[in-house]
All heavy atoms as atom14 arrays in JSON, in Angstrom:
{
  "sequence": "QHSGPAAPPAAQEQPERPLPDDTPLPEIPGTGVLREGDSGHGVYELQ",
  "atom14_mask": [
    [1, 1, 1, 1, 1, 1, 1, 1, 1, 0, 0, 0, 0, 0],
    [1, 1, 1, 1, 1, 1, 1, 1, 1, 1, 0, 0, 0, 0],
    [1, 1, 1, 1, 1, 1, 0, 0, 0, 0, 0, 0, 0, 0],
    [1, 1, 1, 1, 0, 0, 0, 0, 0, 0, 0, 0, 0, 0],
    [1, 1, 1, 1, 1, 1, 1, 0, 0, 0, 0, 0, 0, 0],
    [1, 1, 1, 1, 1, 0, 0, 0, 0, 0, 0, 0, 0, 0],
    [1, 1, 1, 1, 1, 0, 0, 0, 0, 0, 0, 0, 0, 0],
    [1, 1, 1, 1, 1, 1, 1, 0, 0, 0, 0, 0, 0, 0],
    [1, 1, 1, 1, 1, 1, 1, 0, 0, 0, 0, 0, 0, 0],
    [1, 1, 1, 1, 1, 0, 0, 0, 0, 0, 0, 0, 0, 0],
    [1, 1, 1, 1, 1, 0, 0, 0, 0, 0, 0, 0, 0, 0],
    [1, 1, 1, 1, 1, 1, 1, 1, 1, 0, 0, 0, 0, 0],
    [1, 1, 1, 1, 1, 1, 1, 1, 1, 0, 0, 0, 0, 0],
    [1, 1, 1, 1, 1, 1, 1, 1, 1, 0, 0, 0, 0, 0],
    [1, 1, 1, 1, 1, 1, 1, 0, 0, 0, 0, 0, 0, 0],
    [1, 1, 1, 1, 1, 1, 1, 1, 1, 0, 0, 0, 0, 0],
    [1, 1, 1, 1, 1, 1, 1, 1, 1, 1, 1, 0, 0, 0],
    [1, 1, 1, 1, 1, 1, 1, 0, 0, 0, 0, 0, 0, 0],
    [1, 1, 1, 1, 1, 1, 1, 1, 0, 0, 0, 0, 0, 0],
    [1, 1, 1, 1, 1, 1, 1, 0, 0, 0, 0, 0, 0, 0],
    [1, 1, 1, 1, 1, 1, 1, 1, 0, 0, 0, 0, 0, 0],
    [1, 1, 1, 1, 1, 1, 1, 1, 0, 0, 0, 0, 0, 0],
    [1, 1, 1, 1, 1, 1, 1, 0, 0, 0, 0, 0, 0, 0],
    [1, 1, 1, 1, 1, 1, 1, 0, 0, 0, 0, 0, 0, 0],
    [1, 1, 1, 1, 1, 1, 1, 1, 0, 0, 0, 0, 0, 0],
    [1, 1, 1, 1, 1, 1, 1, 0, 0, 0, 0, 0, 0, 0],
    [1, 1, 1, 1, 1, 1, 1, 1, 1, 0, 0, 0, 0, 0],
    [1, 1, 1, 1, 1, 1, 1, 1, 0, 0, 0, 0, 0, 0],
    [1, 1, 1, 1, 1, 1, 1, 0, 0, 0, 0, 0, 0, 0],
    [1, 1, 1, 1, 0, 0, 0, 0, 0, 0, 0, 0, 0, 0],
    [1, 1, 1, 1, 1, 1, 1, 0, 0, 0, 0, 0, 0, 0],
    [1, 1, 1, 1, 0, 0, 0, 0, 0, 0, 0, 0, 0, 0],
    [1, 1, 1, 1, 1, 1, 1, 0, 0, 0, 0, 0, 0, 0],
    [1, 1, 1, 1, 1, 1, 1, 1, 0, 0, 0, 0, 0, 0],
    [1, 1, 1, 1, 1, 1, 1, 1, 1, 1, 1, 0, 0, 0],
    [1, 1, 1, 1, 1, 1, 1, 1, 1, 0, 0, 0, 0, 0],
    [1, 1, 1, 1, 0, 0, 0, 0, 0, 0, 0, 0, 0, 0],
    [1, 1, 1, 1, 1, 1, 1, 1, 0, 0, 0, 0, 0, 0],
    [1, 1, 1, 1, 1, 1, 0, 0, 0, 0, 0, 0, 0, 0],
    [1, 1, 1, 1, 0, 0, 0, 0, 0, 0, 0, 0, 0, 0],
    [1, 1, 1, 1, 1, 1, 1, 1, 1, 1, 0, 0, 0, 0],
    [1, 1, 1, 1, 0, 0, 0, 0, 0, 0, 0, 0, 0, 0],
    [1, 1, 1, 1, 1, 1, 1, 0, 0, 0, 0, 0, 0, 0],
    [1, 1, 1, 1, 1, 1, 1, 1, 1, 1, 1, 1, 0, 0],
    [1, 1, 1, 1, 1, 1, 1, 1, 1, 0, 0, 0, 0, 0],
    [1, 1, 1, 1, 1, 1, 1, 1, 0, 0, 0, 0, 0, 0],
    [1, 1, 1, 1, 1, 1, 1, 1, 1, 0, 0, 0, 0, 0]
  ],
  "atom14_positions": [
    [[110.12, 65.54, 103.93], [109.42, 66.64, 103.53], [110.0, 67.94, 104.19], [109.85, 69.0, 103.64], [107.87, 66.55, 103.93], [107.14, 65.52, 103.17], [105.76, 65.41, 103.6], [105.4, 65.82, 104.76], [104.9, 65.0, 102.76], [0.0, 0.0, 0.0], [0.0, 0.0, 0.0], [0.0, 0.0, 0.0], [0.0, 0.0, 0.0], [0.0, 0.0, 0.0]],
    [[110.6, 67.79, 105.28], [111.07, 69.0, 105.97], [112.59, 69.01, 105.97], [113.27, 69.55, 106.82], [110.67, 68.98, 107.51], [109.15, 69.1, 107.7], [108.45, 70.12, 107.21], [108.28, 68.17, 108.13], [107.11, 69.92, 107.39], [107.08, 68.77, 107.97], [0.0, 0.0, 0.0], [0.0, 0.0, 0.0], [0.0, 0.0, 0.0], [0.0, 0.0, 0.0]],
    [[113.21, 68.74, 104.84], [114.69, 68.73, 104.69], [115.22, 70.08, 104.57], [116.33, 70.44, 104.97], [115.16, 67.85, 103.56], [114.52, 68.4, 102.25], [0.0, 0.0, 0.0], [0.0, 0.0, 0.0], [0.0, 0.0, 0.0], [0.0, 0.0, 0.0], [0.0, 0.0, 0.0], [0.0, 0.0, 0.0], [0.0, 0.0, 0.0], [0.0, 0.0, 0.0]],
    [[114.42, 71.07, 104.07], [114.88, 72.48, 103.91], [114.4, 73.25, 105.16], [113.82, 72.73, 106.09], [0.0, 0.0, 0.0], [0.0, 0.0, 0.0], [0.0, 0.0, 0.0], [0.0, 0.0, 0.0], [0.0, 0.0, 0.0], [0.0, 0.0, 0.0], [0.0, 0.0, 0.0], [0.0, 0.0, 0.0], [0.0, 0.0, 0.0], [0.0, 0.0, 0.0]],
    [[114.88, 74.5, 105.25], [114.49, 75.32, 106.44], [113.06, 75.64, 106.37], [112.46, 75.93, 105.38], [115.31, 76.67, 106.23], [115.78, 76.63, 104.84], [115.77, 75.19, 104.35], [0.0, 0.0, 0.0], [0.0, 0.0, 0.0], [0.0, 0.0, 0.0], [0.0, 0.0, 0.0], [0.0, 0.0, 0.0], [0.0, 0.0, 0.0], [0.0, 0.0, 0.0]],
    [[112.43, 75.47, 107.54], [111.03, 75.62, 107.64], [110.64, 77.08, 108.04], [111.26, 77.67, 108.91], [110.44, 74.66, 108.67], [0.0, 0.0, 0.0], [0.0, 0.0, 0.0], [0.0, 0.0, 0.0], [0.0, 0.0, 0.0], [0.0, 0.0, 0.0], [0.0, 0.0, 0.0], [0.0, 0.0, 0.0], [0.0, 0.0, 0.0], [0.0, 0.0, 0.0]],
    [[109.6, 77.62, 107.37], [109.17, 78.95, 107.74], [108.07, 78.84, 108.76], [107.3, 77.91, 108.72], [108.52, 79.61, 106.41], [0.0, 0.0, 0.0], [0.0, 0.0, 0.0], [0.0, 0.0, 0.0], [0.0, 0.0, 0.0], [0.0, 0.0, 0.0], [0.0, 0.0, 0.0], [0.0, 0.0, 0.0], [0.0, 0.0, 0.0], [0.0, 0.0, 0.0]],
    [[108.21, 79.74, 109.67], [107.07, 79.71, 110.75], [105.75, 79.98, 110.15], [105.63, 80.62, 109.14], [107.51, 80.83, 111.72], [108.41, 81.65, 110.95], [109.07, 80.83, 109.85], [0.0, 0.0, 0.0], [0.0, 0.0, 0.0], [0.0, 0.0, 0.0], [0.0, 0.0, 0.0], [0.0, 0.0, 0.0], [0.0, 0.0, 0.0], [0.0, 0.0, 0.0]],
    [[104.73, 79.28, 110.65], [103.4, 79.43, 110.06], [102.87, 80.81, 109.95], [102.2, 81.23, 108.93], [102.49, 78.66, 110.95], [103.38, 77.8, 111.8], [104.74, 78.5, 111.83], [0.0, 0.0, 0.0], [0.0, 0.0, 0.0], [0.0, 0.0, 0.0], [0.0, 0.0, 0.0], [0.0, 0.0, 0.0], [0.0, 0.0, 0.0], [0.0, 0.0, 0.0]],
    [[103.24, 81.74, 110.82], [102.78, 83.08, 110.8], [103.33, 83.83, 109.53], [102.72, 84.75, 109.04], [103.19, 83.89, 112.03], [0.0, 0.0, 0.0], [0.0, 0.0, 0.0], [0.0, 0.0, 0.0], [0.0, 0.0, 0.0], [0.0, 0.0, 0.0], [0.0, 0.0, 0.0], [0.0, 0.0, 0.0], [0.0, 0.0, 0.0], [0.0, 0.0, 0.0]],
    [[104.61, 83.46, 109.11], [105.18, 84.07, 107.96], [104.5, 83.68, 106.65], [104.54, 84.36, 105.67], [106.65, 83.8, 107.9], [0.0, 0.0, 0.0], [0.0, 0.0, 0.0], [0.0, 0.0, 0.0], [0.0, 0.0, 0.0], [0.0, 0.0, 0.0], [0.0, 0.0, 0.0], [0.0, 0.0, 0.0], [0.0, 0.0, 0.0], [0.0, 0.0, 0.0]],
    [[103.99, 82.56, 106.7], [103.3, 81.9, 105.49], [101.96, 82.56, 105.19], [101.63, 82.85, 104.09], [103.19, 80.51, 105.5], [104.5, 79.72, 105.53], [104.28, 78.27, 105.82], [103.11, 77.8, 106.04], [105.3, 77.42, 105.72], [0.0, 0.0, 0.0], [0.0, 0.0, 0.0], [0.0, 0.0, 0.0], [0.0, 0.0, 0.0], [0.0, 0.0, 0.0]],
    [[101.28, 82.94, 106.16], [99.85, 83.48, 105.95], [99.56, 84.61, 107.08], [99.45, 84.28, 108.22], [98.89, 82.41, 106.06], [97.51, 82.79, 105.62], [96.62, 81.64, 105.7], [96.91, 80.55, 105.28], [95.38, 81.86, 106.03], [0.0, 0.0, 0.0], [0.0, 0.0, 0.0], [0.0, 0.0, 0.0], [0.0, 0.0, 0.0], [0.0, 0.0, 0.0]],
    [[99.5, 85.81, 106.56], [99.15, 86.88, 107.49], [97.67, 87.19, 107.33], [97.19, 87.5, 106.24], [99.98, 88.16, 107.09], [101.49, 88.03, 107.43], [101.64, 88.11, 108.99], [100.96, 88.74, 109.66], [102.75, 87.52, 109.39], [0.0, 0.0, 0.0], [0.0, 0.0, 0.0], [0.0, 0.0, 0.0], [0.0, 0.0, 0.0], [0.0, 0.0, 0.0]],
    [[96.92, 87.23, 108.37], [95.52, 87.58, 108.26], [95.46, 89.14, 107.94], [96.28, 89.89, 108.44], [94.92, 87.33, 109.61], [96.12, 87.37, 110.56], [97.23, 86.86, 109.77], [0.0, 0.0, 0.0], [0.0, 0.0, 0.0], [0.0, 0.0, 0.0], [0.0, 0.0, 0.0], [0.0, 0.0, 0.0], [0.0, 0.0, 0.0], [0.0, 0.0, 0.0]],
    [[94.45, 89.48, 107.08], [94.28, 90.94, 106.85], [93.71, 91.62, 108.06], [92.84, 91.14, 108.68], [93.33, 91.07, 105.66], [93.95, 90.74, 104.31], [93.0, 91.19, 103.21], [92.34, 92.22, 103.31], [92.92, 90.45, 102.24], [0.0, 0.0, 0.0], [0.0, 0.0, 0.0], [0.0, 0.0, 0.0], [0.0, 0.0, 0.0], [0.0, 0.0, 0.0]],
    [[94.32, 92.8, 108.3], [93.83, 93.62, 109.45], [93.24, 94.82, 108.84], [93.83, 95.64, 108.17], [94.97, 93.99, 110.38], [95.64, 92.76, 111.07], [96.76, 93.23, 111.94], [97.71, 92.23, 112.08], [98.99, 92.32, 112.3], [99.45, 93.54, 112.44], [99.73, 91.33, 112.33], [0.0, 0.0, 0.0], [0.0, 0.0, 0.0], [0.0, 0.0, 0.0]],
    [[91.95, 95.06, 109.14], [91.29, 96.28, 108.6], [91.91, 97.51, 109.35], [92.39, 97.48, 110.51], [89.81, 96.11, 109.0], [89.8, 95.13, 110.14], [91.05, 94.27, 109.92], [0.0, 0.0, 0.0], [0.0, 0.0, 0.0], [0.0, 0.0, 0.0], [0.0, 0.0, 0.0], [0.0, 0.0, 0.0], [0.0, 0.0, 0.0], [0.0, 0.0, 0.0]],
    [[92.01, 98.56, 108.58], [92.42, 99.85, 109.15], [91.35, 100.44, 110.0], [90.23, 100.37, 109.73], [92.81, 100.89, 107.97], [93.94, 100.54, 107.05], [93.94, 101.52, 105.84], [95.16, 100.53, 107.81], [0.0, 0.0, 0.0], [0.0, 0.0, 0.0], [0.0, 0.0, 0.0], [0.0, 0.0, 0.0], [0.0, 0.0, 0.0], [0.0, 0.0, 0.0]],
    [[91.82, 101.14, 111.11], [90.79, 101.78, 111.89], [90.14, 102.84, 111.11], [90.61, 103.47, 110.15], [91.62, 102.43, 113.02], [92.89, 101.68, 112.99], [93.12, 101.22, 111.62], [0.0, 0.0, 0.0], [0.0, 0.0, 0.0], [0.0, 0.0, 0.0], [0.0, 0.0, 0.0], [0.0, 0.0, 0.0], [0.0, 0.0, 0.0], [0.0, 0.0, 0.0]],
    [[88.83, 103.07, 111.48], [87.96, 104.09, 110.68], [88.71, 105.41, 110.6], [88.41, 106.21, 109.58], [86.65, 104.16, 111.34], [85.76, 102.98, 111.2], [86.15, 102.11, 110.41], [84.87, 102.8, 111.99], [0.0, 0.0, 0.0], [0.0, 0.0, 0.0], [0.0, 0.0, 0.0], [0.0, 0.0, 0.0], [0.0, 0.0, 0.0], [0.0, 0.0, 0.0]],
    [[89.47, 105.91, 111.48], [89.99, 107.18, 111.49], [91.37, 107.24, 110.84], [92.04, 108.34, 110.76], [90.06, 107.87, 112.87], [90.96, 106.98, 113.86], [91.34, 105.91, 113.44], [91.18, 107.39, 114.97], [0.0, 0.0, 0.0], [0.0, 0.0, 0.0], [0.0, 0.0, 0.0], [0.0, 0.0, 0.0], [0.0, 0.0, 0.0], [0.0, 0.0, 0.0]],
    [[91.89, 106.17, 110.33], [93.15, 106.14, 109.56], [93.04, 106.62, 108.21], [92.28, 106.01, 107.42], [93.79, 104.75, 109.59], [93.85, 104.29, 110.93], [95.19, 104.78, 108.93], [0.0, 0.0, 0.0], [0.0, 0.0, 0.0], [0.0, 0.0, 0.0], [0.0, 0.0, 0.0], [0.0, 0.0, 0.0], [0.0, 0.0, 0.0], [0.0, 0.0, 0.0]],
    [[93.71, 107.77, 107.8], [93.58, 108.27, 106.52], [94.27, 107.46, 105.55], [95.33, 106.92, 105.87], [94.14, 109.67, 106.57], [95.05, 109.64, 107.71], [94.46, 108.66, 108.63], [0.0, 0.0, 0.0], [0.0, 0.0, 0.0], [0.0, 0.0, 0.0], [0.0, 0.0, 0.0], [0.0, 0.0, 0.0], [0.0, 0.0, 0.0], [0.0, 0.0, 0.0]],
    [[93.72, 107.25, 104.31], [94.45, 106.54, 103.26], [95.53, 107.43, 102.7], [95.41, 108.63, 102.71], [93.42, 106.12, 102.14], [92.38, 105.19, 102.56], [91.39, 105.02, 101.46], [92.92, 103.84, 102.95], [0.0, 0.0, 0.0], [0.0, 0.0, 0.0], [0.0, 0.0, 0.0], [0.0, 0.0, 0.0], [0.0, 0.0, 0.0], [0.0, 0.0, 0.0]],
    [[96.65, 106.74, 102.26], [97.68, 107.63, 101.71], [97.29, 108.33, 100.42], [96.45, 107.77, 99.68], [98.91, 106.55, 101.44], [98.11, 105.25, 101.34], [96.87, 105.37, 102.24], [0.0, 0.0, 0.0], [0.0, 0.0, 0.0], [0.0, 0.0, 0.0], [0.0, 0.0, 0.0], [0.0, 0.0, 0.0], [0.0, 0.0, 0.0], [0.0, 0.0, 0.0]],
    [[97.77, 109.57, 100.23], [97.35, 110.34, 99.15], [98.28, 109.97, 98.0], [99.48, 109.87, 98.18], [97.42, 111.89, 99.38], [96.9, 112.66, 98.35], [96.73, 114.08, 98.69], [96.26, 114.42, 99.81], [97.24, 114.98, 97.95], [0.0, 0.0, 0.0], [0.0, 0.0, 0.0], [0.0, 0.0, 0.0], [0.0, 0.0, 0.0], [0.0, 0.0, 0.0]],
    [[97.78, 109.95, 96.76], [98.47, 109.69, 95.65], [99.09, 110.95, 95.17], [98.44, 111.93, 95.02], [97.69, 109.01, 94.53], [97.09, 107.71, 94.94], [98.43, 108.92, 93.19], [95.97, 107.19, 94.03], [0.0, 0.0, 0.0], [0.0, 0.0, 0.0], [0.0, 0.0, 0.0], [0.0, 0.0, 0.0], [0.0, 0.0, 0.0], [0.0, 0.0, 0.0]],
    [[100.43, 110.97, 94.89], [101.12, 112.25, 94.5], [100.31, 112.87, 93.24], [100.02, 112.13, 92.35], [102.48, 111.91, 94.28], [102.69, 110.68, 94.9], [101.41, 109.97, 95.0], [0.0, 0.0, 0.0], [0.0, 0.0, 0.0], [0.0, 0.0, 0.0], [0.0, 0.0, 0.0], [0.0, 0.0, 0.0], [0.0, 0.0, 0.0], [0.0, 0.0, 0.0]],
    [[100.1, 114.14, 93.34], [99.52, 114.82, 92.19], [97.97, 114.84, 92.21], [97.35, 115.16, 91.21], [0.0, 0.0, 0.0], [0.0, 0.0, 0.0], [0.0, 0.0, 0.0], [0.0, 0.0, 0.0], [0.0, 0.0, 0.0], [0.0, 0.0, 0.0], [0.0, 0.0, 0.0], [0.0, 0.0, 0.0], [0.0, 0.0, 0.0], [0.0, 0.0, 0.0]],
    [[97.35, 114.27, 93.33], [95.9, 114.29, 93.34], [95.47, 115.23, 94.58], [96.26, 115.5, 95.4], [95.36, 112.93, 93.49], [95.84, 112.35, 94.77], [95.71, 112.02, 92.37], [0.0, 0.0, 0.0], [0.0, 0.0, 0.0], [0.0, 0.0, 0.0], [0.0, 0.0, 0.0], [0.0, 0.0, 0.0], [0.0, 0.0, 0.0], [0.0, 0.0, 0.0]],
    [[94.19, 115.47, 94.48], [93.7, 116.32, 95.65], [93.8, 117.87, 95.29], [94.37, 118.24, 94.2], [0.0, 0.0, 0.0], [0.0, 0.0, 0.0], [0.0, 0.0, 0.0], [0.0, 0.0, 0.0], [0.0, 0.0, 0.0], [0.0, 0.0, 0.0], [0.0, 0.0, 0.0], [0.0, 0.0, 0.0], [0.0, 0.0, 0.0], [0.0, 0.0, 0.0]],
    [[93.1, 118.66, 95.98], [93.05, 120.06, 95.74], [94.37, 120.73, 96.21], [94.79, 120.47, 97.29], [91.79, 120.71, 96.39], [91.8, 122.15, 96.29], [90.55, 120.12, 95.85], [0.0, 0.0, 0.0], [0.0, 0.0, 0.0], [0.0, 0.0, 0.0], [0.0, 0.0, 0.0], [0.0, 0.0, 0.0], [0.0, 0.0, 0.0], [0.0, 0.0, 0.0]],
    [[94.88, 121.51, 95.36], [96.16, 122.3, 95.82], [95.84, 123.71, 95.66], [95.17, 124.17, 94.83], [97.23, 122.0, 94.84], [97.79, 120.53, 94.81], [98.78, 120.34, 93.63], [98.34, 120.11, 96.19], [0.0, 0.0, 0.0], [0.0, 0.0, 0.0], [0.0, 0.0, 0.0], [0.0, 0.0, 0.0], [0.0, 0.0, 0.0], [0.0, 0.0, 0.0]],
    [[96.31, 124.49, 96.76], [96.0, 125.97, 96.8], [97.27, 126.65, 97.4], [98.14, 125.96, 97.9], [94.71, 126.24, 97.57], [94.77, 125.72, 98.96], [93.48, 126.04, 99.72], [92.27, 126.13, 98.99], [91.36, 125.13, 98.93], [91.48, 124.05, 99.67], [90.25, 125.33, 98.24], [0.0, 0.0, 0.0], [0.0, 0.0, 0.0], [0.0, 0.0, 0.0]],
    [[97.19, 127.9, 97.32], [98.29, 128.71, 97.9], [98.64, 128.3, 99.32], [97.77, 128.12, 100.15], [97.97, 130.22, 97.78], [99.13, 131.14, 98.04], [98.93, 132.57, 97.67], [97.76, 132.93, 97.24], [99.88, 133.29, 97.72], [0.0, 0.0, 0.0], [0.0, 0.0, 0.0], [0.0, 0.0, 0.0], [0.0, 0.0, 0.0], [0.0, 0.0, 0.0]],
    [[99.9, 128.1, 99.52], [100.37, 127.65, 100.9], [100.8, 126.21, 100.88], [101.5, 125.78, 101.81], [0.0, 0.0, 0.0], [0.0, 0.0, 0.0], [0.0, 0.0, 0.0], [0.0, 0.0, 0.0], [0.0, 0.0, 0.0], [0.0, 0.0, 0.0], [0.0, 0.0, 0.0], [0.0, 0.0, 0.0], [0.0, 0.0, 0.0], [0.0, 0.0, 0.0]],
    [[100.27, 125.41, 99.86], [100.57, 123.99, 99.88], [102.03, 123.75, 99.24], [102.56, 124.68, 98.59], [99.59, 123.21, 98.93], [98.22, 123.1, 99.62], [98.12, 123.25, 100.8], [97.22, 122.84, 98.83], [0.0, 0.0, 0.0], [0.0, 0.0, 0.0], [0.0, 0.0, 0.0], [0.0, 0.0, 0.0], [0.0, 0.0, 0.0], [0.0, 0.0, 0.0]],
    [[102.51, 122.62, 99.51], [103.85, 122.3, 99.09], [103.88, 120.81, 98.85], [103.12, 120.06, 99.38], [104.95, 122.85, 99.97], [104.88, 122.19, 101.18], [0.0, 0.0, 0.0], [0.0, 0.0, 0.0], [0.0, 0.0, 0.0], [0.0, 0.0, 0.0], [0.0, 0.0, 0.0], [0.0, 0.0, 0.0], [0.0, 0.0, 0.0], [0.0, 0.0, 0.0]],
    [[104.97, 120.37, 98.07], [105.2, 118.92, 97.87], [105.19, 118.49, 96.48], [105.28, 119.37, 95.53], [0.0, 0.0, 0.0], [0.0, 0.0, 0.0], [0.0, 0.0, 0.0], [0.0, 0.0, 0.0], [0.0, 0.0, 0.0], [0.0, 0.0, 0.0], [0.0, 0.0, 0.0], [0.0, 0.0, 0.0], [0.0, 0.0, 0.0], [0.0, 0.0, 0.0]],
    [[105.2, 117.2, 96.2], [105.4, 116.73, 94.95], [104.28, 117.06, 93.88], [104.43, 117.36, 92.77], [105.48, 115.19, 95.03], [105.68, 114.54, 93.71], [106.85, 114.55, 93.08], [104.86, 113.77, 92.86], [106.83, 113.84, 91.92], [105.57, 113.4, 91.73], [0.0, 0.0, 0.0], [0.0, 0.0, 0.0], [0.0, 0.0, 0.0], [0.0, 0.0, 0.0]],
    [[103.03, 117.12, 94.43], [101.86, 117.48, 93.56], [102.05, 118.92, 93.12], [101.75, 119.23, 91.91], [0.0, 0.0, 0.0], [0.0, 0.0, 0.0], [0.0, 0.0, 0.0], [0.0, 0.0, 0.0], [0.0, 0.0, 0.0], [0.0, 0.0, 0.0], [0.0, 0.0, 0.0], [0.0, 0.0, 0.0], [0.0, 0.0, 0.0], [0.0, 0.0, 0.0]],
    [[102.57, 119.81, 93.88], [102.75, 121.25, 93.45], [103.91, 121.25, 92.43], [103.85, 122.01, 91.42], [103.1, 122.08, 94.73], [103.34, 123.52, 94.19], [101.98, 122.11, 95.61], [0.0, 0.0, 0.0], [0.0, 0.0, 0.0], [0.0, 0.0, 0.0], [0.0, 0.0, 0.0], [0.0, 0.0, 0.0], [0.0, 0.0, 0.0], [0.0, 0.0, 0.0]],
    [[104.91, 120.44, 92.67], [106.1, 120.33, 91.71], [105.5, 119.93, 90.33], [105.85, 120.52, 89.31], [107.05, 119.33, 92.29], [108.22, 119.04, 91.3], [109.36, 119.76, 91.35], [108.11, 117.92, 90.42], [110.37, 119.47, 90.47], [109.17, 117.65, 89.54], [110.28, 118.37, 89.54], [111.36, 118.15, 88.73], [0.0, 0.0, 0.0], [0.0, 0.0, 0.0]],
    [[104.7, 118.91, 90.35], [104.03, 118.34, 89.05], [103.26, 119.46, 88.37], [103.3, 119.67, 87.22], [103.24, 117.15, 89.35], [104.05, 115.94, 89.73], [104.86, 115.33, 88.6], [104.47, 115.42, 87.44], [105.91, 114.76, 88.88], [0.0, 0.0, 0.0], [0.0, 0.0, 0.0], [0.0, 0.0, 0.0], [0.0, 0.0, 0.0], [0.0, 0.0, 0.0]],
    [[102.49, 120.19, 89.14], [101.7, 121.29, 88.69], [102.6, 122.37, 87.97], [102.38, 122.79, 86.97], [100.87, 121.96, 89.76], [100.2, 123.3, 89.46], [99.2, 123.19, 88.3], [99.5, 123.85, 90.71], [0.0, 0.0, 0.0], [0.0, 0.0, 0.0], [0.0, 0.0, 0.0], [0.0, 0.0, 0.0], [0.0, 0.0, 0.0], [0.0, 0.0, 0.0]],
    [[103.7, 122.8, 88.68], [104.59, 123.73, 88.09], [105.14, 123.25, 86.87], [105.29, 124.09, 85.89], [105.77, 124.05, 89.15], [105.22, 124.81, 90.34], [106.13, 124.85, 91.49], [107.03, 123.85, 91.66], [106.21, 125.9, 92.27], [0.0, 0.0, 0.0], [0.0, 0.0, 0.0], [0.0, 0.0, 0.0], [0.0, 0.0, 0.0], [0.0, 0.0, 0.0]]
  ]
}
């Protein structure tokens, strides 16, 4: 059964780790409020 290279057990199954409450979720480009002074991909799409 173990004739091939064995993967360590940790690599097979990673437990989900919840994000801390103060960790912001990543923003999807092109979403959110944009106003004068902002920059980035969302402003590019707006233009």
